Protein backbone atom coordinates (compact mmCIF):
# COMPACT_ATOMS: atom_id res chain seq x y z
CA MET A 1 0.00 0.00 0.00
CA GLU A 2 2.81 2.34 0.88
CA ALA A 3 4.54 1.78 -2.48
CA GLY A 4 1.29 2.39 -4.35
CA GLY A 5 0.65 5.59 -2.41
CA ALA A 6 4.15 6.86 -3.20
CA LEU A 7 3.68 6.10 -6.89
CA ALA A 8 0.41 7.99 -6.95
CA HIS A 9 2.11 11.12 -5.62
CA ILE A 10 5.05 11.26 -8.03
CA PRO A 11 4.83 14.72 -9.64
CA THR A 12 3.83 14.68 -13.30
CA VAL A 13 6.02 16.36 -15.92
CA ALA A 14 4.31 17.99 -18.89
CA ILE A 15 6.14 17.67 -22.22
CA ASN A 16 5.78 20.65 -24.53
CA ALA A 17 5.25 18.90 -27.89
CA ARG A 18 4.85 21.99 -30.05
CA ALA A 19 8.01 21.26 -32.04
CA ALA A 20 7.13 17.57 -32.20
CA ALA A 21 3.93 18.51 -34.06
CA ARG A 22 5.80 20.17 -36.95
CA ALA A 23 5.57 18.56 -40.36
CA GLU A 24 9.19 19.31 -41.35
CA ILE A 25 11.92 17.76 -39.22
CA GLY A 26 15.30 19.28 -38.34
CA GLY A 27 17.58 18.52 -35.41
CA VAL A 28 15.44 20.43 -32.91
CA GLU A 29 12.26 18.71 -34.07
CA ARG A 30 14.00 15.33 -34.05
CA LEU A 31 14.83 15.67 -30.35
CA ALA A 32 11.32 16.92 -29.58
CA ARG A 33 9.70 13.95 -31.34
CA GLN A 34 12.01 11.40 -29.80
CA MET A 35 11.52 12.70 -26.25
CA ALA A 36 7.73 12.99 -26.69
CA ILE A 37 7.74 9.25 -27.49
CA ARG A 38 10.55 7.87 -25.34
CA LEU A 39 10.09 9.70 -22.03
CA PRO A 40 6.46 8.57 -21.53
CA ALA A 41 7.46 5.05 -22.61
CA LEU A 42 10.28 5.09 -20.07
CA ARG A 43 8.22 6.51 -17.20
CA PRO A 44 4.48 6.55 -17.96
CA ASP A 45 3.83 7.55 -14.35
CA ARG A 46 5.88 10.71 -14.74
CA TYR A 47 5.25 12.23 -18.18
CA ARG A 48 2.26 13.74 -19.93
CA VAL A 49 2.52 15.01 -23.52
CA ILE A 50 0.73 18.28 -24.37
CA ARG A 51 0.52 18.78 -28.13
CA PRO A 52 -1.06 21.73 -29.97
CA PRO A 53 -2.92 21.43 -33.28
CA GLU A 54 -0.45 21.19 -36.17
CA ALA A 55 -1.49 24.69 -37.31
CA LEU A 56 0.04 26.04 -34.08
CA ALA A 57 3.32 24.15 -34.38
CA HIS A 58 5.22 27.06 -35.98
CA ARG A 59 5.10 30.85 -35.53
CA ALA A 60 1.34 30.89 -35.06
CA GLY A 61 1.86 28.78 -31.95
CA HIS A 62 3.82 31.34 -29.91
CA LEU A 63 0.67 32.52 -28.18
CA TRP A 64 -0.40 28.92 -27.48
CA GLU A 65 3.00 28.17 -25.96
CA GLN A 66 3.01 31.29 -23.79
CA SER A 67 -0.60 31.18 -22.58
CA VAL A 68 -2.50 27.94 -23.24
CA LEU A 69 0.34 25.51 -22.49
CA PRO A 70 0.95 26.75 -18.91
CA LEU A 71 -2.75 26.42 -18.18
CA GLN A 72 -2.98 22.92 -19.64
CA GLY A 73 0.06 21.88 -17.60
CA ALA A 74 -0.93 23.77 -14.44
CA ARG A 75 -1.15 20.63 -12.29
CA CYS A 76 2.24 19.33 -13.41
CA GLY A 77 5.30 19.66 -11.25
CA LEU A 78 7.57 20.58 -14.15
CA LEU A 79 7.23 21.63 -17.78
CA TYR A 80 9.81 20.08 -20.11
CA SER A 81 10.32 22.04 -23.35
CA PRO A 82 12.81 20.42 -25.79
CA ALA A 83 12.95 23.07 -28.53
CA ASN A 84 14.55 26.33 -27.31
CA LEU A 85 11.34 28.08 -26.18
CA ALA A 86 9.04 27.76 -23.18
CA PRO A 87 6.42 29.82 -21.32
CA VAL A 88 8.17 32.86 -19.87
CA VAL A 89 5.69 33.12 -17.00
CA SER A 90 6.46 29.63 -15.73
CA ARG A 91 9.05 28.96 -13.06
CA ARG A 92 8.65 25.20 -13.57
CA ASN A 93 10.58 25.02 -16.84
CA VAL A 94 13.13 22.39 -17.74
CA LEU A 95 14.33 23.88 -21.02
CA VAL A 96 16.51 22.45 -23.77
CA LEU A 97 18.51 25.23 -25.43
CA HIS A 98 20.27 23.67 -28.40
CA ASP A 99 22.51 26.67 -29.05
CA ALA A 100 22.60 30.45 -29.07
CA ALA A 101 22.98 30.83 -32.84
CA ALA A 102 20.72 33.88 -33.22
CA LEU A 103 22.75 35.74 -30.60
CA ARG A 104 26.15 34.69 -31.92
CA HIS A 105 25.28 35.10 -35.63
CA PRO A 106 22.40 37.60 -35.86
CA GLU A 107 23.31 38.34 -39.49
CA SER A 108 21.97 34.89 -40.41
CA TYR A 109 18.43 35.63 -39.18
CA SER A 110 15.68 38.15 -39.77
CA ARG A 111 15.63 41.19 -37.49
CA PRO A 112 12.30 40.32 -35.82
CA TYR A 113 13.55 36.81 -35.06
CA VAL A 114 16.77 38.11 -33.51
CA ALA A 115 14.89 40.72 -31.48
CA TYR A 116 12.55 38.06 -30.11
CA GLN A 117 15.43 35.74 -29.24
CA ARG A 118 17.32 38.55 -27.50
CA MET A 119 14.26 39.37 -25.46
CA ILE A 120 13.09 35.90 -24.49
CA LEU A 121 16.18 33.70 -24.13
CA PRO A 122 17.79 35.54 -21.19
CA ARG A 123 14.47 35.54 -19.33
CA LEU A 124 13.90 31.86 -19.95
CA ALA A 125 17.45 31.00 -18.92
CA ARG A 126 17.18 32.95 -15.66
CA ARG A 127 13.83 31.49 -14.63
CA ALA A 128 14.27 27.85 -15.67
CA ARG A 129 14.64 25.24 -12.97
CA LEU A 130 17.15 23.48 -15.21
CA LEU A 131 18.79 24.10 -18.58
CA ILE A 132 19.72 21.19 -20.82
CA THR A 133 21.91 21.58 -23.87
CA VAL A 134 23.34 19.17 -26.43
CA SER A 135 27.11 19.76 -26.35
CA ASP A 136 29.89 21.21 -24.23
CA PHE A 137 30.29 23.85 -26.94
CA SER A 138 26.69 24.98 -26.51
CA LYS A 139 27.07 24.97 -22.75
CA GLY A 140 29.91 27.45 -23.14
CA GLU A 141 27.74 29.59 -25.40
CA LEU A 142 24.91 29.71 -22.84
CA ILE A 143 27.33 30.67 -20.10
CA GLU A 144 28.94 33.42 -22.19
CA LEU A 145 25.94 34.85 -24.04
CA LEU A 146 23.13 34.33 -21.51
CA GLY A 147 25.08 34.52 -18.27
CA SER A 148 23.81 31.09 -17.18
CA SER A 149 25.50 29.42 -14.21
CA PRO A 150 27.47 26.30 -15.23
CA GLU A 151 25.99 24.25 -12.39
CA ARG A 152 22.47 24.87 -13.74
CA ILE A 153 23.28 23.41 -17.18
CA VAL A 154 23.32 19.69 -17.99
CA VAL A 155 24.83 18.46 -21.27
CA ILE A 156 22.84 15.62 -22.88
CA PRO A 157 23.82 14.82 -26.49
CA ASP A 158 21.38 13.91 -29.24
CA GLY A 159 21.11 10.35 -30.50
CA VAL A 160 20.75 8.37 -33.72
CA GLU A 161 17.74 6.25 -34.62
CA GLU A 162 18.30 2.58 -35.39
CA ARG A 163 16.94 3.03 -38.93
CA PHE A 164 20.14 4.86 -39.95
CA ARG A 165 22.29 1.90 -41.03
CA PRO A 166 24.87 1.13 -43.75
CA ASP A 167 22.70 -1.58 -45.31
CA VAL A 168 19.76 0.72 -46.21
CA ASP A 169 18.82 0.42 -49.91
CA PRO A 170 19.28 3.88 -51.50
CA SER A 171 17.61 3.12 -54.85
CA GLY A 172 14.11 4.37 -53.96
CA ALA A 173 15.30 7.74 -52.67
CA ARG A 174 17.65 8.19 -55.63
CA ALA A 175 14.76 7.68 -58.02
CA ARG A 176 12.37 9.96 -56.09
CA TYR A 177 14.83 12.87 -56.02
CA GLY A 178 16.24 12.43 -59.51
CA LEU A 179 19.74 11.45 -58.41
CA GLY A 180 20.96 9.74 -61.55
CA PHE A 181 24.65 10.44 -60.86
CA PRO A 182 26.79 9.71 -57.79
CA TYR A 183 26.37 12.52 -55.27
CA VAL A 184 27.86 14.23 -52.24
CA LEU A 185 25.22 15.34 -49.79
CA VAL A 186 24.63 18.42 -47.63
CA VAL A 187 21.77 18.20 -45.11
CA GLY A 188 20.31 21.17 -43.24
CA SER A 189 18.20 24.29 -43.45
CA VAL A 190 19.60 26.87 -45.83
CA SER A 191 21.08 29.94 -44.10
CA GLU A 192 24.22 32.08 -44.08
CA ARG A 193 25.73 30.34 -41.07
CA LYS A 194 25.65 27.03 -42.97
CA ASN A 195 28.47 28.53 -45.09
CA LEU A 196 27.42 26.71 -48.26
CA GLY A 197 29.22 29.19 -50.52
CA VAL A 198 32.55 27.63 -49.54
CA LEU A 199 31.49 24.45 -51.37
CA GLY A 200 31.35 26.06 -54.82
CA GLN A 201 34.86 24.94 -55.71
CA ALA A 202 34.16 21.41 -54.48
CA ALA A 203 30.97 21.29 -56.55
CA ARG A 204 32.88 22.21 -59.73
CA ALA A 205 35.63 19.66 -59.04
CA LEU A 206 33.06 16.95 -58.38
CA ALA A 207 31.10 17.81 -61.53
CA GLU A 208 34.26 17.25 -63.60
CA ARG A 209 34.26 13.68 -62.28
CA GLY A 210 30.54 13.08 -62.83
CA VAL A 211 29.43 13.65 -59.22
CA ASP A 212 26.68 16.03 -58.08
CA LEU A 213 26.82 18.07 -54.89
CA VAL A 214 23.24 18.35 -53.61
CA VAL A 215 21.60 20.14 -50.68
CA ALA A 216 18.68 18.54 -48.84
CA GLY A 217 16.82 21.03 -46.69
CA SER A 218 14.33 23.85 -46.86
CA GLY A 219 14.69 27.54 -46.17
CA ARG A 220 12.67 29.06 -43.34
CA THR A 221 11.18 32.52 -43.28
CA TYR A 222 13.34 33.72 -40.38
CA LEU A 223 16.62 32.58 -42.01
CA ARG A 224 18.82 34.69 -44.26
CA GLY A 225 21.08 33.50 -47.03
CA GLY A 226 21.24 30.44 -49.22
CA SER A 227 23.37 28.17 -51.33
CA VAL A 228 25.51 29.50 -54.15
CA GLY A 229 25.34 27.47 -57.37
CA LEU A 230 24.42 24.21 -55.64
CA ARG A 231 21.62 21.87 -56.63
CA ARG A 232 18.83 21.94 -54.04
CA LEU A 233 16.51 19.01 -53.43
CA GLY A 234 14.31 21.00 -51.07
CA TYR A 235 12.88 19.36 -47.97
CA VAL A 236 13.40 15.60 -48.01
CA ALA A 237 10.71 13.47 -46.37
CA ASP A 238 11.87 12.07 -43.06
CA GLU A 239 11.32 8.48 -44.15
CA ASP A 240 13.69 9.03 -47.12
CA LEU A 241 16.63 10.34 -45.10
CA PRO A 242 18.37 7.04 -44.26
CA ALA A 243 18.34 5.99 -47.92
CA LEU A 244 19.52 9.43 -49.04
CA TYR A 245 22.48 9.26 -46.64
CA ALA A 246 23.29 5.66 -47.51
CA GLY A 247 23.52 6.46 -51.23
CA ALA A 248 25.92 9.40 -50.82
CA ARG A 249 29.63 9.29 -51.55
CA ALA A 250 30.18 11.67 -48.62
CA LEU A 251 28.44 14.21 -46.40
CA ALA A 252 29.72 17.78 -46.32
CA MET A 253 28.90 20.15 -43.45
CA PRO A 254 30.82 23.43 -43.70
CA SER A 255 28.78 25.31 -41.06
CA MET A 256 30.43 28.13 -39.17
CA TYR A 257 28.21 27.40 -36.17
CA GLU A 258 26.40 24.26 -35.02
CA GLY A 259 25.19 23.41 -31.54
CA PHE A 260 25.52 19.70 -32.28
CA GLY A 261 25.46 18.63 -35.95
CA LEU A 262 23.04 15.69 -36.01
CA PRO A 263 23.32 15.06 -39.80
CA CYS A 264 26.97 14.12 -39.22
CA LEU A 265 26.01 11.33 -36.82
CA GLU A 266 23.17 10.12 -39.03
CA ALA A 267 25.49 9.96 -42.06
CA MET A 268 28.21 8.22 -40.05
CA ALA A 269 25.69 5.64 -38.81
CA CYS A 270 24.98 4.91 -42.49
CA GLY A 271 28.69 4.30 -43.16
CA VAL A 272 29.12 7.56 -45.10
CA PRO A 273 32.39 9.56 -44.77
CA VAL A 274 31.89 13.08 -43.39
CA VAL A 275 33.82 16.25 -44.16
CA VAL A 276 32.93 18.99 -41.70
CA ALA A 277 34.01 22.42 -40.54
CA ALA A 278 36.33 22.61 -37.55
CA ALA A 279 33.88 25.01 -35.93
CA GLY A 280 31.15 25.07 -33.30
CA ALA A 281 30.26 21.68 -31.84
CA LEU A 282 31.18 19.71 -34.98
CA PRO A 283 34.65 18.59 -33.77
CA GLU A 284 33.03 17.46 -30.50
CA THR A 285 30.33 15.48 -32.30
CA VAL A 286 32.46 13.92 -35.03
CA GLY A 287 35.57 13.28 -32.94
CA ASP A 288 38.28 11.54 -34.95
CA ALA A 289 35.77 9.78 -37.22
CA GLY A 290 35.60 12.50 -39.89
CA ILE A 291 37.71 15.03 -41.75
CA LEU A 292 37.77 18.48 -40.11
CA ILE A 293 38.45 21.54 -42.28
CA ASP A 294 38.82 25.27 -41.63
CA PRO A 295 35.36 26.66 -42.56
CA GLY A 296 36.91 29.43 -44.64
CA ASP A 297 39.21 27.22 -46.74
CA ALA A 298 37.43 26.36 -50.01
CA ASP A 299 40.52 24.63 -51.42
CA ALA A 300 40.81 22.33 -48.41
CA PHE A 301 37.12 21.49 -48.53
CA ALA A 302 37.35 20.60 -52.21
CA SER A 303 40.41 18.39 -51.67
CA ALA A 304 38.92 16.64 -48.63
CA ILE A 305 35.57 15.99 -50.30
CA LEU A 306 37.28 14.55 -53.39
CA ALA A 307 39.42 12.30 -51.18
CA ALA A 308 36.42 11.15 -49.14
CA SER A 309 34.53 10.43 -52.37
CA PHE A 310 37.19 8.60 -54.39
CA ASP A 311 40.00 7.31 -52.15
CA GLU A 312 38.66 3.83 -51.36
CA ALA A 313 41.10 3.11 -48.54
CA LEU A 314 40.23 6.41 -46.86
CA ARG A 315 36.53 5.81 -47.43
CA ALA A 316 36.73 2.41 -45.72
CA THR A 317 38.61 3.85 -42.75
CA LEU A 318 36.16 6.74 -42.31
CA ALA A 319 33.13 4.49 -42.73
CA GLN A 320 34.30 2.10 -40.01
CA ALA A 321 35.23 4.91 -37.65
CA GLY A 322 31.94 6.70 -38.31
CA VAL A 323 29.74 3.68 -37.63
CA ARG A 324 31.67 3.03 -34.42
CA ARG A 325 31.38 6.67 -33.31
CA ALA A 326 27.67 6.96 -34.12
CA ALA A 327 26.91 3.78 -32.16
CA SER A 328 27.87 5.58 -28.94
CA PHE A 329 24.99 8.05 -29.42
CA SER A 330 21.48 6.66 -28.96
CA TRP A 331 18.08 8.20 -28.26
CA THR A 332 17.61 5.60 -25.54
CA ARG A 333 20.61 7.10 -23.76
CA THR A 334 19.35 10.64 -24.38
CA ALA A 335 15.97 9.79 -22.84
CA ALA A 336 17.53 8.05 -19.83
CA LEU A 337 19.86 10.97 -19.11
CA THR A 338 17.00 13.45 -19.56
CA ASP A 339 14.78 11.50 -17.18
CA ALA A 340 17.58 11.32 -14.61
CA ALA A 341 18.15 15.08 -14.80
CA ILE A 342 14.43 15.78 -14.45
CA GLY A 343 14.18 13.28 -11.61
CA ALA A 344 16.92 15.14 -9.74
CA VAL A 345 14.99 18.40 -10.05
CA LEU A 346 11.82 16.71 -8.79
CA ALA A 347 13.69 15.16 -5.87
CA ALA A 348 15.04 18.58 -4.92
CA GLY A 349 11.46 19.82 -4.61
């Protein structure tokens, strides 16, 4: 009886599933979806998912998040928000801040977006019961740019789904996206901080050898900038991503700033060599399993991408190292670490 009574009084945690309701998936949405599924499965006694209508998943949902969500979760002990934003009025927030990109690189975003981020992020960071971020790099950014105390920040990396594997058949995705030639892949939303212009030289060198350099990812209204002379596939359906990675000769990620760099892990899990910028959290995520390049060095990017695409011995070495590295990141681990961090906050009252 005593055990049952204790179980009945465990405080419930509301999960803010606004980002999980979005139709298009990026790294932030991937974490939101995974945690909205895995945390309740791990501890059904602890978690309750609160999801808005899909129409309120994007900008139209700010008002829902700031006003309706706190009311719907009023009886919950904590409110877990996995996608950078949470109700400002709440002092029960456990907030995942993936990075501080809009504060570090405001030139890559629209002015209204930057103004909103500058207004809301410091308030959220001050009032949150706990901040979670995805890399040691991002933790440093939150300390420097938001003045957050290091002891109030927990680093919990993203994971890789089991469906990202080297043996995925790429033929269906290649046909759907018109990829008749071998290709090198870039995955991510299109913005200035993605630094895609540095790949122009690589694209020309690849074209001379019958290889396309293609960009999978959509632009968003609050982002500035875009690719220069690169073939764009637009948004790729989530179910097609493993096959798209698996069919690539290499993945290129020249970003000047990333809070984690999930496409690198997903590509590595598929046995695809990665060539990434030695910037932001990318060295931390990739470790020694990829090729790291100065983000401003177009010549070095071109040479490294050609080597990763055509040097079979190097390709085999990178593929093995990448699969091994990616295997150490799982969403099961992310959920367990998140639950432990939340449990510690609950235990502290």
